[in-house]
C-alpha cells in the first residue's frame, strides 16, 4: 500500500471484517459499501498500571468502483488493511440527545493473507480510489 502514504489526514489500520459488507446504491448508481473491522488493540488500565489486549470496532464506508472490488474480494473474517479519512456521523436521537459515531471513509485497501502484505498478499486486492469523491446529492445519508 505504498500509494496510501500520499493521503492527507489518514487513519490506517489492520483487522478482520466482522461480517460481510453491506452494499447500497445512490440514486446515480454509485455503490456505497459499509462494513465494520475488528482491530486488536492494547488497552492501558491506569488503576492496575497494566496493559491488556482488547478489540475495538471501526465502521468503514467505501464508494464506487473501489467498493465494488472490495465487495467482490472481502467476506466476514477477511484480514484487511484500510486507509482513509476519519469523519463523524452526527444525528439527534429519538430522545432528543445529540449523538455521533466515528466513521472511516476508505481511500485505499489491501486484502492481507497471514497478517502481512507483499508476497503473501493478492496483488489484485490492492486498490486506491484517489479522491473518493461522490457528489453530495448521491450520498444516501
Protein backbone atom coordinates (compact mmCIF):
# COMPACT_ATOMS: atom_id res chain seq x y z
CA UNK A 1 0.00 0.00 0.00
CA UNK A 2 2.78 2.43 -0.82
CA UNK A 3 0.30 4.75 -2.56
CA UNK A 4 -1.52 5.18 0.77
CA UNK A 5 1.31 7.35 2.08
CA UNK A 6 0.16 10.20 -0.17
CA UNK A 7 -3.17 10.58 1.67
CA UNK A 8 -3.69 13.55 3.96
CA UNK A 9 -5.32 13.18 7.40
CA UNK A 10 -5.17 9.44 7.00
CA UNK A 11 -6.09 6.81 9.52
CA UNK A 12 -4.55 3.44 8.73
CA UNK A 13 -5.32 0.14 10.44
CA UNK A 14 -5.44 -3.63 10.01
CA UNK A 15 -8.12 -6.00 11.22
CA UNK A 16 -10.78 -8.55 10.35
CA UNK A 17 -14.21 -7.94 8.86
CA UNK A 18 -16.90 -8.67 11.44
CA UNK A 19 -19.49 -9.64 8.81
CA UNK A 20 -19.97 -9.46 5.07
CA UNK A 21 -20.01 -5.90 3.68
CA UNK A 22 -23.44 -4.35 3.08
CA UNK A 23 -23.98 -2.65 -0.29
CA UNK A 24 -26.49 0.03 -1.22
CA UNK A 25 -26.59 2.31 -4.24
CA UNK A 26 -27.01 6.05 -4.66
CA UNK A 27 -29.74 7.32 -7.00
CA UNK A 28 -26.94 7.81 -9.55
CA UNK A 29 -25.95 4.12 -9.34
CA UNK A 30 -22.77 4.53 -7.26
CA UNK A 31 -22.17 1.65 -4.83
CA UNK A 32 -21.95 2.61 -1.15
CA UNK A 33 -20.38 -0.19 0.89
CA UNK A 34 -20.48 -0.30 4.69
CA UNK A 35 -18.64 -2.73 6.93
CA UNK A 36 -17.01 -2.99 10.35
CA UNK A 37 -13.44 -4.04 11.08
CA UNK A 38 -12.33 -5.57 14.38
CA UNK A 39 -8.89 -4.34 15.44
CA UNK A 40 -6.85 -5.89 18.26
CA UNK A 41 -5.54 -3.09 20.47
CA UNK A 42 -3.60 -2.79 23.69
CA UNK A 43 -5.52 -1.03 26.45
CA UNK A 44 -3.87 0.62 29.46
CA UNK A 45 -5.50 0.25 32.89
CA UNK A 46 -4.43 3.26 34.96
CA UNK A 47 -5.60 1.66 38.22
CA UNK A 48 -3.59 -1.56 37.90
CA UNK A 49 -0.81 0.02 35.80
CA UNK A 50 -1.00 -2.87 33.35
CA UNK A 51 -1.99 -3.26 29.73
CA UNK A 52 -4.21 -5.90 28.24
CA UNK A 53 -5.40 -6.70 24.73
CA UNK A 54 -8.92 -5.93 23.61
CA UNK A 55 -10.92 -5.44 20.44
CA UNK A 56 -12.13 -2.14 19.00
CA UNK A 57 -14.56 -1.90 16.11
CA UNK A 58 -14.22 0.65 13.31
CA UNK A 59 -17.09 1.45 10.91
CA UNK A 60 -15.95 1.96 7.33
CA UNK A 61 -17.69 3.39 4.26
CA UNK A 62 -16.37 2.89 0.74
CA UNK A 63 -17.69 4.22 -2.60
CA UNK A 64 -17.74 3.46 -6.31
CA UNK A 65 -15.55 1.02 -8.22
CA UNK A 66 -13.31 0.56 -5.20
CA UNK A 67 -16.36 -0.55 -3.20
CA UNK A 68 -17.36 -2.96 -5.97
CA UNK A 69 -13.88 -4.52 -5.99
CA UNK A 70 -13.73 -4.76 -2.20
CA UNK A 71 -17.21 -6.31 -2.09
CA UNK A 72 -16.09 -8.93 -4.61
CA UNK A 73 -12.98 -9.84 -2.57
CA UNK A 74 -13.88 -9.46 1.13
CA UNK A 75 -16.15 -11.51 3.39
CA UNK A 76 -16.62 -11.98 7.12
CA UNK A 77 -13.23 -12.75 8.71
CA UNK A 78 -11.12 -11.37 5.83
CA UNK A 79 -7.93 -9.73 7.13
CA UNK A 80 -7.64 -6.24 5.61
CA UNK A 81 -5.63 -3.06 5.79
CA UNK A 82 -7.69 0.11 5.34
CA UNK A 83 -6.57 3.71 4.98
CA UNK A 84 -8.92 6.66 4.88
CA UNK A 85 -10.19 9.82 6.50
CA UNK A 86 -11.88 9.98 9.88
CA UNK A 87 -15.34 11.52 9.86
CA UNK A 88 -18.13 11.94 12.40
CA UNK A 89 -21.72 10.93 11.68
CA UNK A 90 -23.91 13.21 13.81
CA UNK A 91 -27.65 12.95 14.48
CA UNK A 92 -30.33 13.70 17.05
CA UNK A 93 -31.69 10.57 18.72
CA UNK A 94 -35.40 9.96 19.38
CA UNK A 95 -34.91 11.13 22.97
CA UNK A 96 -33.57 14.48 21.71
CA UNK A 97 -29.93 13.88 22.63
CA UNK A 98 -27.14 14.64 20.19
CA UNK A 99 -25.26 11.54 19.11
CA UNK A 100 -22.22 10.88 16.97
CA UNK A 101 -20.22 7.92 15.78
CA UNK A 102 -16.79 7.74 14.22
CA UNK A 103 -16.61 6.53 10.62
CA UNK A 104 -13.72 5.98 8.25
CA UNK A 105 -14.20 6.95 4.59
CA UNK A 106 -11.91 4.42 2.91
CA UNK A 107 -9.44 5.75 0.36
CA UNK A 108 -7.34 2.59 -0.11
CA UNK A 109 -7.27 -1.04 0.93
CA UNK A 110 -5.27 -4.26 0.86
CA UNK A 111 -6.58 -7.76 1.36
CA UNK A 112 -3.95 -9.42 3.54
CA UNK A 113 -3.09 -13.07 3.97
CA UNK A 114 -1.35 -14.43 7.06
CA UNK A 115 -1.31 -10.95 8.55
CA UNK A 116 1.18 -9.48 6.06
CA UNK A 117 1.17 -7.80 2.70
CA UNK A 118 3.69 -8.38 -0.06
CA UNK A 119 4.49 -11.87 -1.29
CA UNK A 120 1.62 -13.44 0.61
CA UNK A 121 -1.00 -10.90 -0.42
CA UNK A 122 -3.10 -10.93 -3.56
CA UNK A 123 -1.73 -8.11 -5.71
CA UNK A 124 -5.12 -7.68 -7.38
CA UNK A 125 -6.54 -6.93 -3.94
CA UNK A 126 -4.72 -3.62 -3.51
CA UNK A 127 -6.57 -0.53 -4.53
CA UNK A 128 -6.65 3.21 -4.03
CA UNK A 129 -9.64 5.29 -5.02
CA UNK A 130 -7.92 8.62 -5.44
CA UNK A 131 -10.15 11.32 -4.01
CA UNK A 132 -13.08 9.10 -3.04
CA UNK A 133 -15.35 11.99 -4.07
CA UNK A 134 -19.04 11.27 -4.55
CA UNK A 135 -21.45 14.15 -5.29
CA UNK A 136 -23.30 15.13 -2.10
CA UNK A 137 -26.68 14.57 -3.78
CA UNK A 138 -25.67 10.94 -4.40
CA UNK A 139 -24.90 10.13 -0.74
CA UNK A 140 -27.92 8.41 0.85
CA UNK A 141 -27.35 9.70 4.40
